[in-house]
Amino acid sequence: MFFGGIMNEFKIVKVNIDKIKYVAIAKGWDSNNFSLLKFSDKLDLRDGDVILVDKLLKAGNNNNRFWSIDVVDGVLNMDTCKLVEQKDVPDELKKPASNFLREHTRLLKYCFLPSSQKELILSGNFI
């Protein structure tokens, strides 16, 4: 899914797992959650949906990696933005970021992830 200039910051993947409708993968250290507001009207969002923001490239593979944003009145409500502990994120929702990096090897090569994690991603695994 591509939404012009904002997509320089995020790659959006539709997942439909439980309440989580989309995973927004931050493409860099400067990706800002508020940028998601600029194109949220192009997404099929309903009250009760959740967007999971994966900041692997910004925060690394740690407990600051995942954030959730609820949909209220059909739009993303940034007041609901909250940290999600990595242990609470199903493996299926961790795969899109690894898949994205596997497809963009230059980005993976120059990101600050440890070499061991880069190798896991390149070998077809996910972190």
N, C-alpha and C. Protein backbone atom coordinates (compact mmCIF):
# COMPACT_ATOMS: atom_id res chain seq x y z
N MET A 1 0.86 -1.17 0.00
CA MET A 1 0.00 0.00 0.00
C MET A 1 0.90 1.23 0.00
N PHE A 2 0.64 2.20 -0.87
CA PHE A 2 1.51 3.36 -1.01
C PHE A 2 0.69 4.64 -0.92
N PHE A 3 1.16 5.59 -0.13
CA PHE A 3 0.44 6.85 0.05
C PHE A 3 1.35 8.05 -0.14
N GLY A 4 2.09 8.09 -1.22
CA GLY A 4 2.89 9.27 -1.58
C GLY A 4 3.98 9.59 -0.60
N GLY A 5 4.21 10.89 -0.38
CA GLY A 5 5.33 11.36 0.42
C GLY A 5 5.38 10.83 1.83
N ILE A 6 4.24 10.65 2.46
CA ILE A 6 4.22 10.15 3.83
C ILE A 6 4.82 8.76 3.88
N MET A 7 4.71 8.05 2.78
CA MET A 7 5.24 6.69 2.77
C MET A 7 6.75 6.68 2.77
N ASN A 8 7.38 7.85 2.70
CA ASN A 8 8.81 7.90 2.96
C ASN A 8 9.07 7.57 4.42
N GLU A 9 8.06 7.70 5.26
CA GLU A 9 8.20 7.44 6.68
C GLU A 9 7.65 6.09 7.11
N PHE A 10 6.61 5.60 6.45
CA PHE A 10 5.95 4.36 6.87
C PHE A 10 5.59 3.48 5.68
N LYS A 11 5.64 2.20 5.91
CA LYS A 11 5.07 1.21 4.99
C LYS A 11 3.88 0.64 5.73
N ILE A 12 2.72 0.64 5.08
CA ILE A 12 1.49 0.16 5.71
C ILE A 12 1.16 -1.23 5.17
N VAL A 13 0.93 -2.17 6.08
CA VAL A 13 0.59 -3.54 5.71
C VAL A 13 -0.74 -3.90 6.35
N LYS A 14 -1.70 -4.32 5.54
CA LYS A 14 -3.00 -4.74 6.06
C LYS A 14 -2.86 -6.15 6.63
N VAL A 15 -3.30 -6.35 7.87
CA VAL A 15 -3.12 -7.65 8.52
C VAL A 15 -4.42 -8.28 9.03
N ASN A 16 -5.34 -7.52 9.57
CA ASN A 16 -6.60 -8.04 10.12
C ASN A 16 -6.39 -9.20 11.09
N ILE A 17 -5.61 -8.95 12.14
CA ILE A 17 -5.40 -9.95 13.18
C ILE A 17 -5.99 -9.38 14.47
N ASP A 18 -7.04 -10.03 14.95
CA ASP A 18 -7.80 -9.54 16.09
C ASP A 18 -8.29 -8.12 15.77
N LYS A 19 -8.06 -7.17 16.67
CA LYS A 19 -8.51 -5.80 16.42
C LYS A 19 -7.52 -5.02 15.55
N ILE A 20 -6.34 -5.58 15.35
CA ILE A 20 -5.31 -4.86 14.60
C ILE A 20 -5.57 -5.00 13.11
N LYS A 21 -5.86 -3.87 12.49
CA LYS A 21 -6.21 -3.84 11.08
C LYS A 21 -4.98 -3.66 10.19
N TYR A 22 -4.02 -2.84 10.65
CA TYR A 22 -2.83 -2.53 9.87
C TYR A 22 -1.61 -2.52 10.78
N VAL A 23 -0.45 -2.83 10.18
CA VAL A 23 0.84 -2.59 10.82
C VAL A 23 1.50 -1.46 10.03
N ALA A 24 1.91 -0.42 10.73
CA ALA A 24 2.63 0.70 10.12
C ALA A 24 4.10 0.54 10.49
N ILE A 25 4.93 0.25 9.49
CA ILE A 25 6.35 0.01 9.72
C ILE A 25 7.10 1.32 9.51
N ALA A 26 7.72 1.81 10.57
CA ALA A 26 8.53 3.03 10.46
C ALA A 26 9.76 2.71 9.62
N LYS A 27 9.99 3.54 8.61
CA LYS A 27 11.11 3.30 7.69
C LYS A 27 12.40 3.96 8.12
N GLY A 28 12.38 4.70 9.21
CA GLY A 28 13.61 5.37 9.64
C GLY A 28 13.51 5.88 11.05
N TRP A 29 14.61 6.40 11.53
CA TRP A 29 14.66 6.90 12.91
C TRP A 29 13.80 8.14 13.10
N ASP A 30 13.49 8.87 12.02
CA ASP A 30 12.73 10.11 12.15
C ASP A 30 11.24 9.95 11.86
N SER A 31 10.77 8.72 11.71
CA SER A 31 9.34 8.48 11.45
C SER A 31 8.52 8.89 12.67
N ASN A 32 7.49 9.69 12.44
CA ASN A 32 6.71 10.28 13.51
C ASN A 32 5.28 9.74 13.45
N ASN A 33 4.75 9.27 14.58
CA ASN A 33 3.39 8.72 14.61
C ASN A 33 2.36 9.71 14.08
N PHE A 34 2.56 11.00 14.30
CA PHE A 34 1.58 11.99 13.86
C PHE A 34 1.48 12.06 12.34
N SER A 35 2.51 11.62 11.65
CA SER A 35 2.46 11.58 10.18
C SER A 35 1.38 10.62 9.69
N LEU A 36 1.05 9.64 10.50
CA LEU A 36 0.01 8.69 10.12
C LEU A 36 -1.34 9.37 9.92
N LEU A 37 -1.56 10.48 10.61
CA LEU A 37 -2.84 11.20 10.49
C LEU A 37 -3.06 11.72 9.07
N LYS A 38 -1.97 12.03 8.36
CA LYS A 38 -2.08 12.65 7.04
C LYS A 38 -2.69 11.73 5.98
N PHE A 39 -2.62 10.43 6.20
CA PHE A 39 -3.19 9.53 5.19
C PHE A 39 -4.17 8.52 5.78
N SER A 40 -4.53 8.67 7.05
CA SER A 40 -5.43 7.71 7.67
C SER A 40 -6.81 7.70 7.00
N ASP A 41 -7.18 8.81 6.36
CA ASP A 41 -8.48 8.84 5.67
C ASP A 41 -8.48 7.94 4.43
N LYS A 42 -7.32 7.49 3.98
CA LYS A 42 -7.23 6.60 2.83
C LYS A 42 -7.32 5.13 3.24
N LEU A 43 -7.31 4.87 4.53
CA LEU A 43 -7.40 3.51 5.05
C LEU A 43 -8.84 3.19 5.40
N ASP A 44 -9.19 1.93 5.33
CA ASP A 44 -10.51 1.47 5.70
C ASP A 44 -10.53 1.25 7.21
N LEU A 45 -10.85 2.31 7.95
CA LEU A 45 -10.82 2.27 9.41
C LEU A 45 -12.22 2.35 9.99
N ARG A 46 -12.46 1.54 11.00
CA ARG A 46 -13.75 1.53 11.70
C ARG A 46 -13.48 1.64 13.20
N ASP A 47 -14.46 2.18 13.91
CA ASP A 47 -14.33 2.28 15.36
C ASP A 47 -13.96 0.91 15.94
N GLY A 48 -13.01 0.92 16.86
CA GLY A 48 -12.56 -0.31 17.48
C GLY A 48 -11.33 -0.92 16.82
N ASP A 49 -11.02 -0.50 15.57
CA ASP A 49 -9.80 -0.98 14.92
C ASP A 49 -8.58 -0.40 15.62
N VAL A 50 -7.46 -1.06 15.42
CA VAL A 50 -6.19 -0.61 15.99
C VAL A 50 -5.13 -0.67 14.90
N ILE A 51 -4.26 0.33 14.88
CA ILE A 51 -3.07 0.29 14.04
C ILE A 51 -1.89 0.05 14.97
N LEU A 52 -1.09 -0.96 14.62
CA LEU A 52 0.12 -1.25 15.37
C LEU A 52 1.29 -0.60 14.64
N VAL A 53 2.03 0.24 15.34
CA VAL A 53 3.19 0.92 14.76
C VAL A 53 4.43 0.16 15.19
N ASP A 54 5.21 -0.29 14.20
CA ASP A 54 6.43 -1.05 14.46
C ASP A 54 7.63 -0.14 14.18
N LYS A 55 8.33 0.23 15.24
CA LYS A 55 9.46 1.16 15.13
C LYS A 55 10.79 0.44 15.29
N LEU A 56 10.90 -0.72 14.64
CA LEU A 56 12.13 -1.51 14.71
C LEU A 56 13.35 -0.69 14.30
N LEU A 57 13.23 0.09 13.23
CA LEU A 57 14.38 0.87 12.76
C LEU A 57 14.68 2.10 13.63
N LYS A 58 13.72 2.52 14.42
CA LYS A 58 13.92 3.68 15.27
C LYS A 58 14.35 3.26 16.68
N ALA A 59 13.68 2.27 17.22
CA ALA A 59 13.90 1.88 18.62
C ALA A 59 14.74 0.62 18.77
N GLY A 60 14.88 -0.14 17.70
CA GLY A 60 15.57 -1.42 17.80
C GLY A 60 14.60 -2.51 18.22
N ASN A 61 15.12 -3.69 18.41
CA ASN A 61 14.29 -4.83 18.78
C ASN A 61 14.21 -4.92 20.30
N ASN A 62 13.45 -3.99 20.89
CA ASN A 62 13.32 -3.94 22.34
C ASN A 62 11.89 -3.55 22.71
N ASN A 63 11.68 -3.26 23.97
CA ASN A 63 10.32 -2.97 24.43
C ASN A 63 9.77 -1.61 24.02
N ASN A 64 10.54 -0.78 23.33
CA ASN A 64 10.01 0.49 22.80
C ASN A 64 9.63 0.35 21.34
N ARG A 65 9.63 -0.85 20.82
CA ARG A 65 9.43 -1.09 19.39
C ARG A 65 7.99 -0.89 18.93
N PHE A 66 7.02 -1.38 19.68
CA PHE A 66 5.63 -1.41 19.23
C PHE A 66 4.75 -0.40 19.97
N TRP A 67 3.92 0.29 19.21
CA TRP A 67 2.94 1.24 19.73
C TRP A 67 1.59 0.95 19.09
N SER A 68 0.53 1.14 19.82
CA SER A 68 -0.80 0.96 19.23
C SER A 68 -1.54 2.30 19.23
N ILE A 69 -2.36 2.48 18.21
CA ILE A 69 -3.21 3.67 18.10
C ILE A 69 -4.61 3.18 17.76
N ASP A 70 -5.58 3.57 18.58
CA ASP A 70 -6.97 3.17 18.38
C ASP A 70 -7.68 4.06 17.37
N VAL A 71 -8.68 3.48 16.74
CA VAL A 71 -9.56 4.23 15.84
C VAL A 71 -10.81 4.60 16.62
N VAL A 72 -11.10 5.90 16.69
CA VAL A 72 -12.27 6.42 17.39
C VAL A 72 -13.00 7.34 16.42
N ASP A 73 -14.28 7.16 16.27
CA ASP A 73 -15.09 7.95 15.33
C ASP A 73 -14.51 7.87 13.91
N GLY A 74 -13.96 6.71 13.57
CA GLY A 74 -13.47 6.48 12.21
C GLY A 74 -12.10 7.05 11.89
N VAL A 75 -11.42 7.65 12.87
CA VAL A 75 -10.09 8.23 12.62
C VAL A 75 -9.13 7.77 13.72
N LEU A 76 -7.84 7.87 13.40
CA LEU A 76 -6.82 7.56 14.41
C LEU A 76 -6.88 8.59 15.52
N ASN A 77 -6.93 8.12 16.74
CA ASN A 77 -6.97 9.02 17.89
C ASN A 77 -5.63 8.95 18.59
N MET A 78 -4.80 9.97 18.40
CA MET A 78 -3.45 9.96 18.95
C MET A 78 -3.44 10.00 20.48
N ASP A 79 -4.55 10.39 21.09
CA ASP A 79 -4.63 10.36 22.55
C ASP A 79 -4.60 8.93 23.09
N THR A 80 -4.88 7.95 22.21
CA THR A 80 -4.88 6.55 22.62
C THR A 80 -3.55 5.85 22.36
N CYS A 81 -2.59 6.58 21.81
CA CYS A 81 -1.29 6.00 21.46
C CYS A 81 -0.62 5.48 22.74
N LYS A 82 -0.24 4.20 22.71
CA LYS A 82 0.40 3.63 23.89
C LYS A 82 1.40 2.55 23.49
N LEU A 83 2.37 2.40 24.34
CA LEU A 83 3.42 1.40 24.16
C LEU A 83 2.83 0.01 24.36
N VAL A 84 3.23 -0.93 23.50
CA VAL A 84 2.80 -2.32 23.62
C VAL A 84 4.06 -3.15 23.88
N GLU A 85 4.04 -3.91 24.95
CA GLU A 85 5.22 -4.73 25.25
C GLU A 85 5.41 -5.78 24.17
N GLN A 86 6.66 -5.98 23.80
CA GLN A 86 6.98 -6.90 22.72
C GLN A 86 6.44 -8.31 22.98
N LYS A 87 6.44 -8.73 24.23
CA LYS A 87 5.95 -10.08 24.56
C LYS A 87 4.46 -10.22 24.28
N ASP A 88 3.75 -9.10 24.18
CA ASP A 88 2.31 -9.13 23.92
C ASP A 88 1.97 -9.05 22.43
N VAL A 89 2.99 -8.96 21.58
CA VAL A 89 2.77 -8.85 20.14
C VAL A 89 2.96 -10.23 19.52
N PRO A 90 1.91 -10.77 18.87
CA PRO A 90 2.05 -12.09 18.24
C PRO A 90 3.13 -12.08 17.16
N ASP A 91 3.78 -13.21 17.00
CA ASP A 91 4.85 -13.33 15.99
C ASP A 91 4.38 -12.90 14.61
N GLU A 92 3.14 -13.20 14.28
CA GLU A 92 2.61 -12.85 12.95
C GLU A 92 2.67 -11.35 12.68
N LEU A 93 2.60 -10.54 13.74
CA LEU A 93 2.66 -9.08 13.58
C LEU A 93 4.09 -8.54 13.57
N LYS A 94 5.05 -9.39 13.89
CA LYS A 94 6.46 -8.99 13.84
C LYS A 94 7.06 -9.24 12.45
N LYS A 95 6.43 -10.10 11.68
CA LYS A 95 6.97 -10.50 10.38
C LYS A 95 6.99 -9.38 9.33
N PRO A 96 5.98 -8.51 9.25
CA PRO A 96 6.02 -7.49 8.17
C PRO A 96 7.27 -6.62 8.16
N ALA A 97 7.79 -6.24 9.33
CA ALA A 97 8.99 -5.39 9.36
C ALA A 97 10.20 -6.16 8.84
N SER A 98 10.34 -7.41 9.25
CA SER A 98 11.46 -8.22 8.76
C SER A 98 11.35 -8.45 7.26
N ASN A 99 10.14 -8.71 6.78
CA ASN A 99 9.93 -8.90 5.34
C ASN A 99 10.28 -7.63 4.57
N PHE A 100 9.86 -6.48 5.10
CA PHE A 100 10.18 -5.20 4.47
C PHE A 100 11.70 -5.00 4.37
N LEU A 101 12.40 -5.27 5.46
CA LEU A 101 13.86 -5.08 5.46
C LEU A 101 14.56 -6.07 4.55
N ARG A 102 14.02 -7.27 4.44
CA ARG A 102 14.60 -8.27 3.54
C ARG A 102 14.48 -7.80 2.09
N GLU A 103 13.40 -7.07 1.79
CA GLU A 103 13.19 -6.54 0.44
C GLU A 103 14.00 -5.27 0.18
N HIS A 104 14.46 -4.62 1.23
CA HIS A 104 15.21 -3.36 1.12
C HIS A 104 16.56 -3.54 1.81
N THR A 105 17.42 -4.32 1.18
CA THR A 105 18.68 -4.71 1.80
C THR A 105 19.60 -3.53 2.08
N ARG A 106 19.51 -2.50 1.28
CA ARG A 106 20.36 -1.33 1.53
C ARG A 106 19.98 -0.66 2.86
N LEU A 107 18.69 -0.53 3.09
CA LEU A 107 18.21 0.03 4.36
C LEU A 107 18.66 -0.86 5.52
N LEU A 108 18.53 -2.16 5.35
CA LEU A 108 18.94 -3.10 6.39
C LEU A 108 20.45 -2.99 6.64
N LYS A 109 21.21 -2.90 5.57
CA LYS A 109 22.67 -2.84 5.68
C LYS A 109 23.13 -1.66 6.54
N TYR A 110 22.49 -0.51 6.37
CA TYR A 110 22.95 0.71 7.04
C TYR A 110 22.18 1.06 8.32
N CYS A 111 21.21 0.24 8.70
CA CYS A 111 20.50 0.53 9.95
C CYS A 111 21.36 0.12 11.14
N PHE A 112 20.96 0.55 12.33
CA PHE A 112 21.77 0.32 13.52
C PHE A 112 21.50 -1.01 14.22
N LEU A 113 20.71 -1.89 13.62
CA LEU A 113 20.47 -3.18 14.25
C LEU A 113 21.77 -3.97 14.34
N PRO A 114 21.93 -4.77 15.38
CA PRO A 114 23.14 -5.59 15.50
C PRO A 114 23.26 -6.57 14.32
N SER A 115 24.48 -6.89 13.97
CA SER A 115 24.75 -7.80 12.84
C SER A 115 24.01 -9.13 12.99
N SER A 116 23.91 -9.63 14.21
CA SER A 116 23.22 -10.91 14.43
C SER A 116 21.75 -10.84 14.03
N GLN A 117 21.11 -9.70 14.31
CA GLN A 117 19.70 -9.54 13.94
C GLN A 117 19.56 -9.34 12.43
N LYS A 118 20.48 -8.61 11.83
CA LYS A 118 20.47 -8.45 10.38
C LYS A 118 20.59 -9.80 9.69
N GLU A 119 21.47 -10.65 10.20
CA GLU A 119 21.66 -11.98 9.62
C GLU A 119 20.40 -12.82 9.75
N LEU A 120 19.72 -12.72 10.89
CA LEU A 120 18.46 -13.45 11.07
C LEU A 120 17.44 -13.04 10.01
N ILE A 121 17.33 -11.74 9.79
CA ILE A 121 16.38 -11.24 8.80
C ILE A 121 16.77 -11.72 7.40
N LEU A 122 18.04 -11.58 7.04
CA LEU A 122 18.49 -11.99 5.71
C LEU A 122 18.32 -13.48 5.46
N SER A 123 18.37 -14.27 6.51
CA SER A 123 18.23 -15.73 6.35
C SER A 123 16.78 -16.19 6.32
N GLY A 124 15.85 -15.23 6.33
CA GLY A 124 14.43 -15.58 6.21
C GLY A 124 13.68 -15.64 7.51
N ASN A 125 14.34 -15.36 8.61
CA ASN A 125 13.69 -15.34 9.91
C ASN A 125 13.12 -13.95 10.18
N PHE A 126 12.49 -13.81 11.33
CA PHE A 126 11.99 -12.50 11.73
C PHE A 126 12.40 -12.24 13.15
N ILE A 127 12.46 -10.95 13.49
CA ILE A 127 12.79 -10.59 14.87
C ILE A 127 11.68 -9.75 15.44
